[in-house]
Amino acid sequence: VTAKFTDEKGKLVPPNTVRWTLIDVKENIINGREQVEIASPSSEEDIVLSGDDLQITEDEREESRFIIFEGDYDSDLGSGLPITEEARFVIANLKYIS
């Protein structure tokens, strides 16, 4: 997951702080990924998910996951402005992998 942080004008801006949480549709925390802090965040961050982050927890063909971002940034409008955003993605249960 690539997160790009922008100000109110759409200009890339590095956050002061940013944390992320991985949840399923029932808001269960996945793989202990709760409030994971990004040290020295930049305006663009790659979050690498693998293994248990992407394991399907139900006997389903597909399962949605959400990554929630929280933090704050500074801009011309003020300091410590809140960042709250989420991204949704779908994991497919593959039938066979060789």
PDB file of N, CA and C in Angstrom:
ATOM      1  N   VAL A   1       0.856  -1.170   0.000  1.00  0.00           N
ATOM      2  CA  VAL A   1       0.000   0.000   0.000  1.00  0.00           C
ATOM      3  C   VAL A   1       0.897   1.226   0.000  1.00  0.00           C
ATOM      4  N   THR A   2       0.692   2.125  -0.957  1.00  0.00           N
ATOM      5  CA  THR A   2       1.445   3.373  -0.991  1.00  0.00           C
ATOM      6  C   THR A   2       0.535   4.497  -0.520  1.00  0.00           C
ATOM      7  N   ALA A   3       0.953   5.174   0.526  1.00  0.00           N
ATOM      8  CA  ALA A   3       0.196   6.302   1.077  1.00  0.00           C
ATOM      9  C   ALA A   3       0.898   7.593   0.670  1.00  0.00           C
ATOM     10  N   LYS A   4       0.130   8.518   0.107  1.00  0.00           N
ATOM     11  CA  LYS A   4       0.649   9.842  -0.228  1.00  0.00           C
ATOM     12  C   LYS A   4      -0.119  10.851   0.613  1.00  0.00           C
ATOM     13  N   PHE A   5       0.615  11.674   1.353  1.00  0.00           N
ATOM     14  CA  PHE A   5       0.003  12.632   2.265  1.00  0.00           C
ATOM     15  C   PHE A   5       0.049  14.017   1.639  1.00  0.00           C
ATOM     16  N   THR A   6      -1.114  14.651   1.569  1.00  0.00           N
ATOM     17  CA  THR A   6      -1.218  15.976   0.945  1.00  0.00           C
ATOM     18  C   THR A   6      -1.906  16.957   1.881  1.00  0.00           C
ATOM     19  N   ASP A   7      -1.642  18.234   1.644  1.00  0.00           N
ATOM     20  CA  ASP A   7      -2.328  19.272   2.410  1.00  0.00           C
ATOM     21  C   ASP A   7      -3.654  19.612   1.736  1.00  0.00           C
ATOM     22  N   GLU A   8      -4.323  20.621   2.239  1.00  0.00           N
ATOM     23  CA  GLU A   8      -5.640  21.024   1.733  1.00  0.00           C
ATOM     24  C   GLU A   8      -5.596  21.518   0.286  1.00  0.00           C
ATOM     25  N   LYS A   9      -4.404  21.842  -0.229  1.00  0.00           N
ATOM     26  CA  LYS A   9      -4.243  22.291  -1.620  1.00  0.00           C
ATOM     27  C   LYS A   9      -3.811  21.150  -2.540  1.00  0.00           C
ATOM     28  N   GLY A  10      -3.660  19.957  -1.979  1.00  0.00           N
ATOM     29  CA  GLY A  10      -3.230  18.807  -2.758  1.00  0.00           C
ATOM     30  C   GLY A  10      -1.722  18.697  -2.918  1.00  0.00           C
ATOM     31  N   LYS A  11      -0.974  19.528  -2.222  1.00  0.00           N
ATOM     32  CA  LYS A  11       0.491  19.509  -2.279  1.00  0.00           C
ATOM     33  C   LYS A  11       1.016  18.430  -1.328  1.00  0.00           C
ATOM     34  N   LEU A  12       1.951  17.609  -1.807  1.00  0.00           N
ATOM     35  CA  LEU A  12       2.558  16.590  -0.952  1.00  0.00           C
ATOM     36  C   LEU A  12       3.222  17.251   0.247  1.00  0.00           C
ATOM     37  N   VAL A  13       2.968  16.682   1.420  1.00  0.00           N
ATOM     38  CA  VAL A  13       3.527  17.230   2.658  1.00  0.00           C
ATOM     39  C   VAL A  13       3.873  16.077   3.600  1.00  0.00           C
ATOM     40  N   PRO A  14       5.054  16.111   4.206  1.00  0.00           N
ATOM     41  CA  PRO A  14       5.367  15.056   5.173  1.00  0.00           C
ATOM     42  C   PRO A  14       4.607  15.283   6.479  1.00  0.00           C
ATOM     43  N   PRO A  15       3.978  14.250   7.005  1.00  0.00           N
ATOM     44  CA  PRO A  15       3.289  14.393   8.284  1.00  0.00           C
ATOM     45  C   PRO A  15       4.284  14.563   9.429  1.00  0.00           C
ATOM     46  N   ASN A  16       3.832  15.182  10.504  1.00  0.00           N
ATOM     47  CA  ASN A  16       4.632  15.228  11.730  1.00  0.00           C
ATOM     48  C   ASN A  16       4.661  13.844  12.369  1.00  0.00           C
ATOM     49  N   THR A  17       3.484  13.229  12.415  1.00  0.00           N
ATOM     50  CA  THR A  17       3.332  11.875  12.938  1.00  0.00           C
ATOM     51  C   THR A  17       2.329  11.142  12.068  1.00  0.00           C
ATOM     52  N   VAL A  18       2.480   9.833  11.975  1.00  0.00           N
ATOM     53  CA  VAL A  18       1.479   9.008  11.286  1.00  0.00           C
ATOM     54  C   VAL A  18       1.574   7.574  11.818  1.00  0.00           C
ATOM     55  N   ARG A  19       0.389   6.991  12.034  1.00  0.00           N
ATOM     56  CA  ARG A  19       0.245   5.613  12.492  1.00  0.00           C
ATOM     57  C   ARG A  19      -0.766   4.930  11.577  1.00  0.00           C
ATOM     58  N   TRP A  20      -0.643   3.603  11.454  1.00  0.00           N
ATOM     59  CA  TRP A  20      -1.622   2.873  10.650  1.00  0.00           C
ATOM     60  C   TRP A  20      -2.095   1.633  11.388  1.00  0.00           C
ATOM     61  N   THR A  21      -3.327   1.239  11.059  1.00  0.00           N
ATOM     62  CA  THR A  21      -3.969   0.070  11.652  1.00  0.00           C
ATOM     63  C   THR A  21      -4.600  -0.737  10.531  1.00  0.00           C
ATOM     64  N   LEU A  22      -4.486  -2.072  10.613  1.00  0.00           N
ATOM     65  CA  LEU A  22      -5.061  -2.968   9.614  1.00  0.00           C
ATOM     66  C   LEU A  22      -6.253  -3.689  10.234  1.00  0.00           C
ATOM     67  N   ILE A  23      -7.430  -3.564   9.597  1.00  0.00           N
ATOM     68  CA  ILE A  23      -8.650  -4.190  10.124  1.00  0.00           C
ATOM     69  C   ILE A  23      -9.412  -4.916   9.010  1.00  0.00           C
ATOM     70  N   ASP A  24     -10.337  -5.786   9.436  1.00  0.00           N
ATOM     71  CA  ASP A  24     -11.251  -6.424   8.487  1.00  0.00           C
ATOM     72  C   ASP A  24     -12.592  -5.686   8.530  1.00  0.00           C
ATOM     73  N   VAL A  25     -13.579  -6.201   7.802  1.00  0.00           N
ATOM     74  CA  VAL A  25     -14.876  -5.514   7.728  1.00  0.00           C
ATOM     75  C   VAL A  25     -15.612  -5.485   9.065  1.00  0.00           C
ATOM     76  N   LYS A  26     -15.261  -6.408   9.970  1.00  0.00           N
ATOM     77  CA  LYS A  26     -15.881  -6.430  11.297  1.00  0.00           C
ATOM     78  C   LYS A  26     -15.084  -5.610  12.312  1.00  0.00           C
ATOM     79  N   GLU A  27     -14.090  -4.863  11.808  1.00  0.00           N
ATOM     80  CA  GLU A  27     -13.219  -3.994  12.607  1.00  0.00           C
ATOM     81  C   GLU A  27     -12.323  -4.757  13.567  1.00  0.00           C
ATOM     82  N   ASN A  28     -12.047  -6.029  13.243  1.00  0.00           N
ATOM     83  CA  ASN A  28     -11.070  -6.799  13.999  1.00  0.00           C
ATOM     84  C   ASN A  28      -9.670  -6.380  13.570  1.00  0.00           C
ATOM     85  N   ILE A  29      -8.773  -6.234  14.516  1.00  0.00           N
ATOM     86  CA  ILE A  29      -7.377  -5.928  14.217  1.00  0.00           C
ATOM     87  C   ILE A  29      -6.743  -7.165  13.588  1.00  0.00           C
ATOM     88  N   ILE A  30      -6.055  -6.988  12.482  1.00  0.00           N
ATOM     89  CA  ILE A  30      -5.420  -8.095  11.779  1.00  0.00           C
ATOM     90  C   ILE A  30      -3.937  -8.155  12.142  1.00  0.00           C
ATOM     91  N   ASN A  31      -3.492  -9.339  12.550  1.00  0.00           N
ATOM     92  CA  ASN A  31      -2.082  -9.634  12.783  1.00  0.00           C
ATOM     93  C   ASN A  31      -1.401  -8.655  13.751  1.00  0.00           C
ATOM     94  N   GLY A  32      -2.146  -8.138  14.725  1.00  0.00           N
ATOM     95  CA  GLY A  32      -1.573  -7.222  15.709  1.00  0.00           C
ATOM     96  C   GLY A  32      -1.143  -5.884  15.139  1.00  0.00           C
ATOM     97  N   ARG A  33      -1.610  -5.568  13.924  1.00  0.00           N
ATOM     98  CA  ARG A  33      -1.197  -4.330  13.242  1.00  0.00           C
ATOM     99  C   ARG A  33      -2.088  -3.161  13.680  1.00  0.00           C
ATOM    100  N   GLU A  34      -1.881  -2.706  14.899  1.00  0.00           N
ATOM    101  CA  GLU A  34      -2.673  -1.616  15.460  1.00  0.00           C
ATOM    102  C   GLU A  34      -1.753  -0.470  15.877  1.00  0.00           C
ATOM    103  N   GLN A  35      -2.081   0.726  15.379  1.00  0.00           N
ATOM    104  CA  GLN A  35      -1.334   1.941  15.724  1.00  0.00           C
ATOM    105  C   GLN A  35       0.173   1.763  15.463  1.00  0.00           C
ATOM    106  N   VAL A  36       0.516   1.211  14.292  1.00  0.00           N
ATOM    107  CA  VAL A  36       1.910   1.023  13.899  1.00  0.00           C
ATOM    108  C   VAL A  36       2.471   2.385  13.499  1.00  0.00           C
ATOM    109  N   GLU A  37       3.447   2.860  14.245  1.00  0.00           N
ATOM    110  CA  GLU A  37       3.989   4.192  13.998  1.00  0.00           C
ATOM    111  C   GLU A  37       5.061   4.138  12.912  1.00  0.00           C
ATOM    112  N   ILE A  38       5.014   5.128  12.028  1.00  0.00           N
ATOM    113  CA  ILE A  38       6.047   5.283  11.014  1.00  0.00           C
ATOM    114  C   ILE A  38       7.039   6.309  11.549  1.00  0.00           C
ATOM    115  N   ALA A  39       8.262   5.867  11.794  1.00  0.00           N
ATOM    116  CA  ALA A  39       9.299   6.779  12.305  1.00  0.00           C
ATOM    117  C   ALA A  39       9.742   7.701  11.169  1.00  0.00           C
ATOM    118  N   SER A  40       9.864   8.979  11.453  1.00  0.00           N
ATOM    119  CA  SER A  40      10.302   9.974  10.463  1.00  0.00           C
ATOM    120  C   SER A  40       9.523   9.856   9.155  1.00  0.00           C
ATOM    121  N   PRO A  41       8.210  10.062   9.194  1.00  0.00           N
ATOM    122  CA  PRO A  41       7.406   9.875   7.982  1.00  0.00           C
ATOM    123  C   PRO A  41       7.731  10.901   6.892  1.00  0.00           C
ATOM    124  N   SER A  42       7.616  10.449   5.653  1.00  0.00           N
ATOM    125  CA  SER A  42       7.787  11.328   4.499  1.00  0.00           C
ATOM    126  C   SER A  42       6.430  11.512   3.825  1.00  0.00           C
ATOM    127  N   SER A  43       6.383  12.327   2.793  1.00  0.00           N
ATOM    128  CA  SER A  43       5.113  12.615   2.124  1.00  0.00           C
ATOM    129  C   SER A  43       4.558  11.406   1.377  1.00  0.00           C
ATOM    130  N   GLU A  44       5.402  10.409   1.133  1.00  0.00           N
ATOM    131  CA  GLU A  44       4.957   9.179   0.485  1.00  0.00           C
ATOM    132  C   GLU A  44       5.587   7.995   1.211  1.00  0.00           C
ATOM    133  N   GLU A  45       4.750   7.071   1.644  1.00  0.00           N
ATOM    134  CA  GLU A  45       5.214   5.913   2.410  1.00  0.00           C
ATOM    135  C   GLU A  45       4.662   4.633   1.805  1.00  0.00           C
ATOM    136  N   ASP A  46       5.505   3.610   1.703  1.00  0.00           N
ATOM    137  CA  ASP A  46       5.078   2.283   1.266  1.00  0.00           C
ATOM    138  C   ASP A  46       4.904   1.398   2.491  1.00  0.00           C
ATOM    139  N   ILE A  47       3.716   0.829   2.643  1.00  0.00           N
ATOM    140  CA  ILE A  47       3.414  -0.106   3.715  1.00  0.00           C
ATOM    141  C   ILE A  47       3.396  -1.495   3.081  1.00  0.00           C
ATOM    142  N   VAL A  48       4.314  -2.354   3.482  1.00  0.00           N
ATOM    143  CA  VAL A  48       4.414  -3.692   2.905  1.00  0.00           C
ATOM    144  C   VAL A  48       3.632  -4.664   3.782  1.00  0.00           C
ATOM    145  N   LEU A  49       2.627  -5.295   3.177  1.00  0.00           N
ATOM    146  CA  LEU A  49       1.808  -6.287   3.860  1.00  0.00           C
ATOM    147  C   LEU A  49       2.123  -7.655   3.274  1.00  0.00           C
ATOM    148  N   SER A  50       2.240  -8.660   4.133  1.00  0.00           N
ATOM    149  CA  SER A  50       2.518 -10.014   3.657  1.00  0.00           C
ATOM    150  C   SER A  50       2.115 -11.024   4.727  1.00  0.00           C
ATOM    151  N   GLY A  51       2.212 -12.296   4.383  1.00  0.00           N
ATOM    152  CA  GLY A  51       1.943 -13.364   5.351  1.00  0.00           C
ATOM    153  C   GLY A  51       0.597 -13.238   6.028  1.00  0.00           C
ATOM    154  N   ASP A  52       0.605 -13.227   7.374  1.00  0.00           N
ATOM    155  CA  ASP A  52      -0.636 -13.174   8.151  1.00  0.00           C
ATOM    156  C   ASP A  52      -1.416 -11.878   7.946  1.00  0.00           C
ATOM    157  N   ASP A  53      -0.776 -10.827   7.439  1.00  0.00           N
ATOM    158  CA  ASP A  53      -1.502  -9.590   7.122  1.00  0.00           C
ATOM    159  C   ASP A  53      -2.569  -9.854   6.061  1.00  0.00           C
ATOM    160  N   LEU A  54      -2.297 -10.829   5.198  1.00  0.00           N
ATOM    161  CA  LEU A  54      -3.153 -11.078   4.038  1.00  0.00           C
ATOM    162  C   LEU A  54      -3.887 -12.413   4.104  1.00  0.00           C
ATOM    163  N   GLN A  55      -3.838 -13.083   5.244  1.00  0.00           N
ATOM    164  CA  GLN A  55      -4.526 -14.363   5.398  1.00  0.00           C
ATOM    165  C   GLN A  55      -6.029 -14.134   5.515  1.00  0.00           C
ATOM    166  N   ILE A  56      -6.794 -14.912   4.774  1.00  0.00           N
ATOM    167  CA  ILE A  56      -8.249 -14.819   4.852  1.00  0.00           C
ATOM    168  C   ILE A  56      -8.702 -15.517   6.128  1.00  0.00           C
ATOM    169  N   THR A  57      -9.530 -14.814   6.912  1.00  0.00           N
ATOM    170  CA  THR A  57      -9.928 -15.327   8.226  1.00  0.00           C
ATOM    171  C   THR A  57     -11.255 -16.078   8.206  1.00  0.00           C
ATOM    172  N   GLU A  58     -12.029 -15.916   7.172  1.00  0.00           N
ATOM    173  CA  GLU A  58     -13.316 -16.605   7.045  1.00  0.00           C
ATOM    174  C   GLU A  58     -13.215 -17.592   5.887  1.00  0.00           C
ATOM    175  N   ASP A  59     -14.156 -18.510   5.802  1.00  0.00           N
ATOM    176  CA  ASP A  59     -14.192 -19.443   4.678  1.00  0.00           C
ATOM    177  C   ASP A  59     -14.911 -18.760   3.518  1.00  0.00           C
ATOM    178  N   GLU A  60     -14.259 -17.785   2.960  1.00  0.00           N
ATOM    179  CA  GLU A  60     -14.848 -16.963   1.900  1.00  0.00           C
ATOM    180  C   GLU A  60     -13.968 -16.985   0.661  1.00  0.00           C
ATOM    181  N   ARG A  61     -14.498 -16.582  -0.449  1.00  0.00           N
ATOM    182  CA  ARG A  61     -13.744 -16.452  -1.703  1.00  0.00           C
ATOM    183  C   ARG A  61     -12.910 -15.175  -1.689  1.00  0.00           C
ATOM    184  N   GLU A  62     -13.469 -14.113  -1.116  1.00  0.00           N
ATOM    185  CA  GLU A  62     -12.790 -12.818  -1.022  1.00  0.00           C
ATOM    186  C   GLU A  62     -13.024 -12.221   0.350  1.00  0.00           C
ATOM    187  N   GLU A  63     -12.113 -11.370   0.757  1.00  0.00           N
ATOM    188  CA  GLU A  63     -12.268 -10.681   2.033  1.00  0.00           C
ATOM    189  C   GLU A  63     -11.690  -9.279   1.902  1.00  0.00           C
ATOM    190  N   SER A  64     -12.439  -8.295   2.385  1.00  0.00           N
ATOM    191  CA  SER A  64     -11.969  -6.912   2.354  1.00  0.00           C
ATOM    192  C   SER A  64     -11.133  -6.602   3.581  1.00  0.00           C
ATOM    193  N   ARG A  65     -10.133  -5.778   3.391  1.00  0.00           N
ATOM    194  CA  ARG A  65      -9.307  -5.250   4.475  1.00  0.00           C
ATOM    195  C   ARG A  65      -9.270  -3.735   4.340  1.00  0.00           C
ATOM    196  N   PHE A  66      -9.015  -3.094   5.459  1.00  0.00           N
ATOM    197  CA  PHE A  66      -8.893  -1.639   5.485  1.00  0.00           C
ATOM    198  C   PHE A  66      -7.606  -1.278   6.202  1.00  0.00           C
ATOM    199  N   ILE A  67      -6.901  -0.310   5.674  1.00  0.00           N
ATOM    200  CA  ILE A  67      -5.755   0.249   6.373  1.00  0.00           C
ATOM    201  C   ILE A  67      -6.134   1.685   6.729  1.00  0.00           C
ATOM    202  N   ILE A  68      -6.072   1.987   8.009  1.00  0.00           N
ATOM    203  CA  ILE A  68      -6.493   3.273   8.545  1.00  0.00           C
ATOM    204  C   ILE A  68      -5.243   4.075   8.910  1.00  0.00           C
ATOM    205  N   PHE A  69      -5.186   5.313   8.440  1.00  0.00           N
ATOM    206  CA  PHE A  69      -4.070   6.200   8.763  1.00  0.00           C
ATOM    207  C   PHE A  69      -4.553   7.308   9.690  1.00  0.00           C
ATOM    208  N   GLU A  70      -3.748   7.602  10.715  1.00  0.00           N
ATOM    209  CA  GLU A  70      -4.035   8.688  11.655  1.00  0.00           C
ATOM    210  C   GLU A  70      -2.727   9.413  11.955  1.00  0.00           C
ATOM    211  N   GLY A  71      -2.804  10.705  12.093  1.00  0.00           N
ATOM    212  CA  GLY A  71      -1.609  11.481  12.415  1.00  0.00           C
ATOM    213  C   GLY A  71      -1.903  12.966  12.360  1.00  0.00           C
ATOM    214  N   ASP A  72      -0.855  13.752  12.149  1.00  0.00           N
ATOM    215  CA  ASP A  72      -1.045  15.195  12.009  1.00  0.00           C
ATOM    216  C   ASP A  72       0.053  15.780  11.124  1.00  0.00           C
ATOM    217  N   TYR A  73      -0.233  16.982  10.587  1.00  0.00           N
ATOM    218  CA  TYR A  73       0.692  17.665   9.698  1.00  0.00           C
ATOM    219  C   TYR A  73       0.571  19.171   9.897  1.00  0.00           C
ATOM    220  N   ASP A  74       1.525  19.908   9.360  1.00  0.00           N
ATOM    221  CA  ASP A  74       1.506  21.369   9.396  1.00  0.00           C
ATOM    222  C   ASP A  74       1.291  21.897   7.978  1.00  0.00           C
ATOM    223  N   SER A  75       0.570  23.020   7.872  1.00  0.00           N
ATOM    224  CA  SER A  75       0.382  23.680   6.578  1.00  0.00           C
ATOM    225  C   SER A  75       0.207  25.176   6.813  1.00  0.00           C
ATOM    226  N   ASP A  76      -0.095  25.891   5.747  1.00  0.00           N
ATOM    227  CA  ASP A  76      -0.343  27.330   5.856  1.00  0.00           C
ATOM    228  C   ASP A  76      -1.552  27.636   6.743  1.00  0.00           C
ATOM    229  N   LEU A  77      -2.438  26.661   6.913  1.00  0.00           N
ATOM    230  CA  LEU A  77      -3.654  26.858   7.712  1.00  0.00           C
ATOM    231  C   LEU A  77      -3.459  26.583   9.198  1.00  0.00           C
ATOM    232  N   GLY A  78      -2.320  26.005   9.556  1.00  0.00           N
ATOM    233  CA  GLY A  78      -2.081  25.752  10.978  1.00  0.00           C
ATOM    234  C   GLY A  78      -1.132  24.603  11.226  1.00  0.00           C
ATOM    235  N   SER A  79      -0.876  24.369  12.484  1.00  0.00           N
ATOM    236  CA  SER A  79       0.019  23.295  12.906  1.00  0.00           C
ATOM    237  C   SER A  79      -0.775  22.202  13.600  1.00  0.00           C
ATOM    238  N   GLY A  80      -0.295  20.988  13.464  1.00  0.00           N
ATOM    239  CA  GLY A  80      -0.946  19.863  14.132  1.00  0.00           C
ATOM    240  C   GLY A  80      -2.315  19.528  13.578  1.00  0.00           C
ATOM    241  N   LEU A  81      -2.535  19.788  12.269  1.00  0.00           N
ATOM    242  CA  LEU A  81      -3.831  19.476  11.655  1.00  0.00           C
ATOM    243  C   LEU A  81      -3.976  17.962  11.519  1.00  0.00           C
ATOM    244  N   PRO A  82      -5.173  17.426  11.761  1.00  0.00           N
ATOM    245  CA  PRO A  82      -5.340  15.967  11.793  1.00  0.00           C
ATOM    246  C   PRO A  82      -5.318  15.309  10.415  1.00  0.00           C
ATOM    247  N   ILE A  83      -4.752  14.113  10.378  1.00  0.00           N
ATOM    248  CA  ILE A  83      -4.824  13.220   9.222  1.00  0.00           C
ATOM    249  C   ILE A  83      -5.658  12.024   9.666  1.00  0.00           C
ATOM    250  N   THR A  84      -6.735  11.754   8.953  1.00  0.00           N
ATOM    251  CA  THR A  84      -7.525  10.537   9.164  1.00  0.00           C
ATOM    252  C   THR A  84      -7.998  10.085   7.792  1.00  0.00           C
ATOM    253  N   GLU A  85      -7.598   8.906   7.395  1.00  0.00           N
ATOM    254  CA  GLU A  85      -7.946   8.392   6.071  1.00  0.00           C
ATOM    255  C   GLU A  85      -7.907   6.876   6.112  1.00  0.00           C
ATOM    256  N   GLU A  86      -8.650   6.256   5.195  1.00  0.00           N
ATOM    257  CA  GLU A  86      -8.620   4.807   5.087  1.00  0.00           C
ATOM    258  C   GLU A  86      -8.548   4.400   3.627  1.00  0.00           C
ATOM    259  N   ALA A  87      -7.998   3.224   3.403  1.00  0.00           N
ATOM    260  CA  ALA A  87      -7.970   2.620   2.075  1.00  0.00           C
ATOM    261  C   ALA A  87      -8.509   1.200   2.211  1.00  0.00           C
ATOM    262  N   ARG A  88      -9.304   0.786   1.252  1.00  0.00           N
ATOM    263  CA  ARG A  88      -9.890  -0.557   1.241  1.00  0.00           C
ATOM    264  C   ARG A  88      -9.248  -1.364   0.128  1.00  0.00           C
ATOM    265  N   PHE A  89      -8.971  -2.640   0.402  1.00  0.00           N
ATOM    266  CA  PHE A  89      -8.496  -3.533  -0.646  1.00  0.00           C
ATOM    267  C   PHE A  89      -9.091  -4.909  -0.410  1.00  0.00           C
ATOM    268  N   VAL A  90      -9.111  -5.729  -1.451  1.00  0.00           N
ATOM    269  CA  VAL A  90      -9.743  -7.045  -1.394  1.00  0.00           C
ATOM    270  C   VAL A  90      -8.670  -8.122  -1.574  1.00  0.00           C
ATOM    271  N   ILE A  91      -8.765  -9.165  -0.743  1.00  0.00           N
ATOM    272  CA  ILE A  91      -7.878 -10.314  -0.820  1.00  0.00           C
ATOM    273  C   ILE A  91      -8.694 -11.467  -1.414  1.00  0.00           C
ATOM    274  N   ALA A  92      -8.143 -12.118  -2.442  1.00  0.00           N
ATOM    275  CA  ALA A  92      -8.823 -13.256  -3.064  1.00  0.00           C
ATOM    276  C   ALA A  92      -8.255 -14.547  -2.498  1.00  0.00           C
ATOM    277  N   ASN A  93      -9.137 -15.506  -2.211  1.00  0.00           N
ATOM    278  CA  ASN A  93      -8.741 -16.828  -1.736  1.00  0.00           C
ATOM    279  C   ASN A  93      -8.429 -17.683  -2.966  1.00  0.00           C
ATOM    280  N   LEU A  94      -7.157 -17.813  -3.297  1.00  0.00           N
ATOM    281  CA  LEU A  94      -6.766 -18.577  -4.467  1.00  0.00           C
ATOM    282  C   LEU A  94      -6.989 -20.066  -4.221  1.00  0.00           C
ATOM    283  N   LYS A  95      -7.490 -20.756  -5.215  1.00  0.00           N
ATOM    284  CA  LYS A  95      -7.806 -22.183  -5.086  1.00  0.00           C
ATOM    285  C   LYS A  95      -6.559 -23.059  -5.084  1.00  0.00           C
ATOM    286  N   TYR A  96      -5.566 -22.694  -5.900  1.00  0.00           N
ATOM    287  CA  TYR A  96      -4.387 -23.541  -5.981  1.00  0.00           C
ATOM    288  C   TYR A  96      -3.190 -22.692  -6.393  1.00  0.00           C
ATOM    289  N   ILE A  97      -2.107 -22.850  -5.676  1.00  0.00           N
ATOM    290  CA  ILE A  97      -0.867 -22.173  -6.021  1.00  0.00           C
ATOM    291  C   ILE A  97       0.208 -23.243  -6.088  1.00  0.00           C
ATOM    292  N   SER A  98       0.926 -23.315  -7.217  1.00  0.00           N
ATOM    293  CA  SER A  98       1.976 -24.332  -7.345  1.00  0.00           C
ATOM    294  C   SER A  98       3.306 -23.804  -6.871  1.00  0.00           C
TER     295      SER A  98
END
